Amino acid sequence: MGISIAYSGKLRDPTVVPELVADLAAKAAAAGWPSKTMKELVAERRVTCSGLEGITLYPHRECEPLHFHFDGEGTFINHTYHALLSDSKMADMMRQALAESAAITRNLTRAAQEKAGRGGGPRVSVGVPSLPEAPGVEFFKEGSRYNWTKTQFAGPKVHVAVCAILRYVKQRYAPELDVKDDSGYFVDGDYEKLEGQLAYVERLTSLASQAIEAAAAASKGPMTLDAFVDRINEELAEAKDKLH
């Protein structure tokens, strides 16, 4: 649940990175956004891999950072996944976490399908990627080519500002930059629709939080994960009319 903006692609020319960094640093300063160059990020251990250039912008304390990191060919790089390609220990930890997440998801999905087959009530809908049992190098390589930022908690104005920066980078530096905006605003520019979607997500998040708290409070002892999810679904089913 949430509204994110994902982006991937390549610069028209890798030699424009210094210009882009200076340009975006100036725009961030004008907007009152903090920013950090790759040199600063590496010095602070926020980025642990080598061979990348670029800058990170921080649009709002409730918005995830906006990364513009590039390899030697000018490809937009997700530094977290990129680091896993050279850190086998961290990669193994990530594989284990993803495998466990996939196993839990499969179990819950199977239980949901079985209950639905018996005529069960509404379920929580959780969107998760289809993960392999043990992600390999190709999985991390693919992940390293995609960046994203979640904007829903920062409000519509910040979302619009993030889209404006991405549109500017696309027009000036990366014509083939692919931007996928969950709200659709990057394409249609419909501010009213964006406000409605953000309000809906905020309400849904609030109801989900309340349902989790109610499910935990109703427990009289240890519960299995399936039982806990069932209890959450019961709370959500009772609250579903509040979404309208």
Protein backbone atom coordinates (compact mmCIF):
# COMPACT_ATOMS: atom_id res chain seq x y z
CA MET A 1 0.00 0.00 0.00
CA GLY A 2 1.31 3.45 -0.82
CA ILE A 3 2.28 5.77 -3.62
CA SER A 4 5.76 5.50 -5.04
CA ILE A 5 7.64 6.78 -8.07
CA ALA A 6 10.07 4.39 -9.74
CA TYR A 7 12.58 5.43 -12.37
CA SER A 8 15.25 3.79 -14.49
CA GLY A 9 17.28 4.58 -17.57
CA LYS A 10 20.50 6.06 -18.84
CA LEU A 11 21.99 9.50 -19.39
CA ARG A 12 22.30 10.69 -22.98
CA ASP A 13 26.02 11.11 -22.28
CA PRO A 14 27.90 9.89 -19.16
CA THR A 15 30.17 12.94 -19.28
CA VAL A 16 27.28 15.19 -18.17
CA VAL A 17 27.32 13.80 -14.61
CA PRO A 18 29.34 16.71 -13.11
CA GLU A 19 26.99 19.19 -14.78
CA LEU A 20 23.94 17.29 -13.54
CA VAL A 21 25.30 17.14 -9.98
CA ALA A 22 25.99 20.88 -9.87
CA ASP A 23 22.65 21.64 -11.52
CA LEU A 24 20.57 19.53 -9.12
CA ALA A 25 22.53 20.74 -6.09
CA ALA A 26 21.63 24.31 -7.06
CA LYS A 27 17.96 23.43 -7.62
CA ALA A 28 17.82 21.59 -4.28
CA ALA A 29 19.34 24.58 -2.48
CA ALA A 30 16.83 26.92 -4.13
CA ALA A 31 13.98 24.66 -2.97
CA GLY A 32 15.39 24.37 0.55
CA TRP A 33 16.16 20.67 0.12
CA PRO A 34 19.32 19.15 1.61
CA SER A 35 21.52 17.27 -0.85
CA LYS A 36 24.67 15.15 -0.70
CA THR A 37 27.16 14.39 -3.45
CA MET A 38 28.47 10.88 -3.95
CA LYS A 39 31.75 11.87 -2.29
CA GLU A 40 29.83 12.94 0.82
CA LEU A 41 27.63 9.83 0.78
CA VAL A 42 30.67 7.54 0.62
CA ALA A 43 32.47 9.48 3.37
CA GLU A 44 29.41 9.07 5.62
CA ARG A 45 29.07 5.37 4.69
CA ARG A 46 25.59 5.97 3.30
CA VAL A 47 26.93 4.42 0.09
CA THR A 48 29.29 1.49 0.55
CA CYS A 49 30.15 0.57 -3.04
CA SER A 50 32.70 2.18 -5.33
CA GLY A 51 32.62 3.28 -8.96
CA LEU A 52 29.51 5.47 -8.78
CA GLU A 53 28.99 9.20 -9.27
CA GLY A 54 26.02 11.42 -8.60
CA ILE A 55 23.93 13.15 -5.97
CA THR A 56 21.06 12.44 -3.58
CA LEU A 57 18.29 14.95 -2.87
CA TYR A 58 16.15 14.99 0.28
CA PRO A 59 12.84 16.66 -0.69
CA HIS A 60 11.09 16.25 2.68
CA ARG A 61 11.60 14.46 5.98
CA GLU A 62 8.54 12.29 5.22
CA CYS A 63 9.67 11.51 1.65
CA GLU A 64 12.29 8.94 0.75
CA PRO A 65 15.51 10.32 -0.79
CA LEU A 66 15.72 10.95 -4.51
CA HIS A 67 18.87 9.26 -5.81
CA PHE A 68 20.66 10.21 -9.02
CA HIS A 69 23.55 7.75 -8.98
CA PHE A 70 25.34 6.57 -12.12
CA ASP A 71 27.90 4.02 -13.19
CA GLY A 72 30.65 4.74 -15.73
CA GLU A 73 28.22 4.29 -18.62
CA GLY A 74 25.70 6.77 -17.25
CA THR A 75 23.14 4.17 -16.18
CA PHE A 76 20.93 5.10 -13.22
CA ILE A 77 21.99 2.81 -10.38
CA ASN A 78 20.33 1.70 -7.14
CA HIS A 79 23.36 1.76 -4.85
CA THR A 80 21.84 -0.64 -2.30
CA TYR A 81 21.42 -3.46 -4.81
CA HIS A 82 24.66 -2.52 -6.56
CA ALA A 83 26.57 -2.99 -3.29
CA LEU A 84 25.26 -6.55 -2.98
CA LEU A 85 27.09 -7.50 -6.17
CA SER A 86 30.43 -7.10 -4.38
CA ASP A 87 29.42 -7.89 -0.77
CA SER A 88 28.75 -11.63 -0.59
CA LYS A 89 27.96 -11.59 3.14
CA MET A 90 25.33 -8.89 2.78
CA ALA A 91 23.98 -10.57 -0.36
CA ASP A 92 23.53 -13.84 1.55
CA MET A 93 21.64 -12.00 4.29
CA MET A 94 19.40 -10.39 1.67
CA ARG A 95 18.78 -13.76 -0.01
CA GLN A 96 17.75 -15.28 3.31
CA ALA A 97 15.43 -12.38 4.12
CA LEU A 98 13.82 -12.49 0.66
CA ALA A 99 13.42 -16.27 0.80
CA GLU A 100 11.74 -16.04 4.21
CA SER A 101 9.49 -13.24 2.97
CA ALA A 102 8.55 -15.28 -0.09
CA ALA A 103 7.78 -18.34 2.06
CA ILE A 104 5.54 -16.34 4.40
CA THR A 105 3.77 -14.75 1.43
CA ARG A 106 3.15 -18.13 -0.20
CA ASN A 107 1.76 -19.56 3.03
CA LEU A 108 -0.55 -16.61 3.63
CA THR A 109 -1.69 -16.58 0.00
CA ARG A 110 -2.46 -20.29 0.15
CA ALA A 111 -4.41 -19.83 3.38
CA ALA A 112 -6.32 -16.89 1.89
CA GLN A 113 -7.23 -18.89 -1.20
CA GLU A 114 -8.40 -21.83 0.89
CA LYS A 115 -10.54 -19.59 3.07
CA ALA A 116 -11.94 -17.78 0.03
CA GLY A 117 -12.89 -21.16 -1.40
CA ARG A 118 -14.89 -21.81 1.74
CA GLY A 119 -16.72 -18.52 1.39
CA GLY A 120 -14.59 -16.45 3.76
CA GLY A 121 -14.98 -12.71 4.05
CA PRO A 122 -12.83 -9.87 2.70
CA ARG A 123 -9.07 -10.20 3.03
CA VAL A 124 -6.23 -7.75 3.31
CA SER A 125 -4.71 -7.27 -0.13
CA VAL A 126 -0.92 -7.16 0.10
CA GLY A 127 1.06 -6.47 -3.07
CA VAL A 128 4.43 -8.25 -3.07
CA PRO A 129 6.77 -9.19 -5.89
CA SER A 130 7.09 -12.79 -6.99
CA LEU A 131 10.42 -13.78 -5.50
CA PRO A 132 12.65 -16.73 -6.32
CA GLU A 133 13.57 -19.14 -3.54
CA ALA A 134 17.15 -17.82 -3.41
CA PRO A 135 17.77 -14.69 -5.52
CA GLY A 136 21.01 -14.86 -7.46
CA VAL A 137 23.38 -12.37 -9.03
CA GLU A 138 21.02 -11.60 -11.93
CA PHE A 139 18.27 -10.66 -9.47
CA PHE A 140 20.56 -8.10 -7.81
CA LYS A 141 21.82 -6.83 -11.17
CA GLU A 142 18.26 -6.21 -12.28
CA GLY A 143 17.42 -4.53 -8.97
CA SER A 144 20.43 -2.25 -9.26
CA ARG A 145 18.89 -0.62 -12.35
CA TYR A 146 15.76 0.63 -10.59
CA ASN A 147 15.37 3.50 -8.14
CA TRP A 148 12.22 4.59 -6.36
CA THR A 149 10.95 7.02 -3.77
CA LYS A 150 7.80 6.87 -1.66
CA THR A 151 6.06 10.24 -1.39
CA GLN A 152 2.66 9.57 0.16
CA PHE A 153 3.49 10.77 3.67
CA ALA A 154 4.96 14.07 2.43
CA GLY A 155 1.80 15.33 0.70
CA PRO A 156 0.81 16.27 -2.85
CA LYS A 157 3.04 19.35 -3.17
CA VAL A 158 6.17 17.30 -2.51
CA HIS A 159 4.99 14.62 -4.94
CA VAL A 160 4.54 17.30 -7.60
CA ALA A 161 8.00 18.72 -6.87
CA VAL A 162 9.62 15.28 -7.17
CA CYS A 163 7.86 14.76 -10.50
CA ALA A 164 9.10 18.16 -11.66
CA ILE A 165 12.73 17.25 -10.88
CA LEU A 166 12.41 13.90 -12.66
CA ARG A 167 10.79 15.56 -15.66
CA TYR A 168 13.59 18.12 -15.78
CA VAL A 169 16.27 15.42 -15.64
CA LYS A 170 14.47 13.49 -18.37
CA GLN A 171 14.24 16.51 -20.65
CA ARG A 172 17.76 17.82 -20.11
CA TYR A 173 19.93 14.80 -19.35
CA ALA A 174 18.14 11.49 -19.92
CA PRO A 175 15.53 11.50 -22.71
CA GLU A 176 14.89 7.78 -22.30
CA LEU A 177 14.36 7.92 -18.53
CA ASP A 178 11.40 5.68 -17.67
CA VAL A 179 9.28 7.04 -14.82
CA LYS A 180 6.43 5.03 -13.30
CA ASP A 181 4.27 7.07 -10.94
CA ASP A 182 1.70 5.04 -8.96
CA SER A 183 -0.61 8.06 -8.87
CA GLY A 184 -0.37 8.74 -12.60
CA TYR A 185 0.44 12.40 -11.95
CA PHE A 186 3.75 12.30 -13.83
CA VAL A 187 1.78 11.56 -17.01
CA ASP A 188 -1.59 13.26 -16.58
CA GLY A 189 -0.73 16.16 -14.24
CA ASP A 190 -4.12 15.78 -12.54
CA TYR A 191 -3.54 17.42 -9.14
CA GLU A 192 -7.09 16.87 -7.89
CA LYS A 193 -6.85 13.15 -8.59
CA LEU A 194 -3.46 13.04 -6.85
CA GLU A 195 -4.93 14.68 -3.73
CA GLY A 196 -7.75 12.14 -3.68
CA GLN A 197 -5.39 9.19 -4.01
CA LEU A 198 -3.11 10.44 -1.24
CA ALA A 199 -6.10 11.03 1.05
CA TYR A 200 -7.37 7.51 0.34
CA VAL A 201 -3.98 5.94 1.07
CA GLU A 202 -3.69 7.94 4.30
CA ARG A 203 -7.12 6.74 5.42
CA LEU A 204 -6.38 3.15 4.43
CA THR A 205 -3.07 3.25 6.31
CA SER A 206 -4.82 4.62 9.37
CA LEU A 207 -7.49 1.90 9.27
CA ALA A 208 -4.85 -0.81 8.81
CA SER A 209 -2.90 0.52 11.79
CA GLN A 210 -6.04 0.59 13.91
CA ALA A 211 -6.90 -2.96 12.82
CA ILE A 212 -3.44 -4.23 13.80
CA GLU A 213 -3.68 -2.54 17.20
CA ALA A 214 -7.17 -3.94 17.76
CA ALA A 215 -6.09 -7.45 16.73
CA ALA A 216 -3.13 -7.33 19.10
CA ALA A 217 -5.29 -6.01 21.95
CA ALA A 218 -7.86 -8.76 21.40
CA SER A 219 -5.26 -11.51 21.72
CA LYS A 220 -5.39 -13.44 25.00
CA GLY A 221 -2.10 -15.18 24.39
CA PRO A 222 0.39 -16.21 21.69
CA MET A 223 -1.07 -16.34 18.17
CA THR A 224 0.13 -17.94 14.96
CA LEU A 225 0.82 -15.58 12.06
CA ASP A 226 -2.20 -16.95 10.16
CA ALA A 227 -4.45 -16.40 13.18
CA PHE A 228 -3.16 -12.87 13.63
CA VAL A 229 -3.77 -12.02 9.95
CA ASP A 230 -7.27 -13.51 10.20
CA ARG A 231 -7.96 -11.30 13.20
CA ILE A 232 -6.69 -8.23 11.34
CA ASN A 233 -8.97 -9.09 8.41
CA GLU A 234 -11.94 -9.31 10.75
CA GLU A 235 -11.16 -5.85 12.10
CA LEU A 236 -10.75 -4.47 8.56
CA ALA A 237 -14.00 -6.07 7.42
CA GLU A 238 -15.80 -4.23 10.22
CA ALA A 239 -14.12 -0.96 9.23
CA LYS A 240 -14.44 -1.23 5.43
CA ASP A 241 -17.41 1.15 5.22
CA LYS A 242 -15.23 3.91 6.70
CA LEU A 243 -13.26 4.05 3.45
CA HIS A 244 -16.23 5.49 1.57
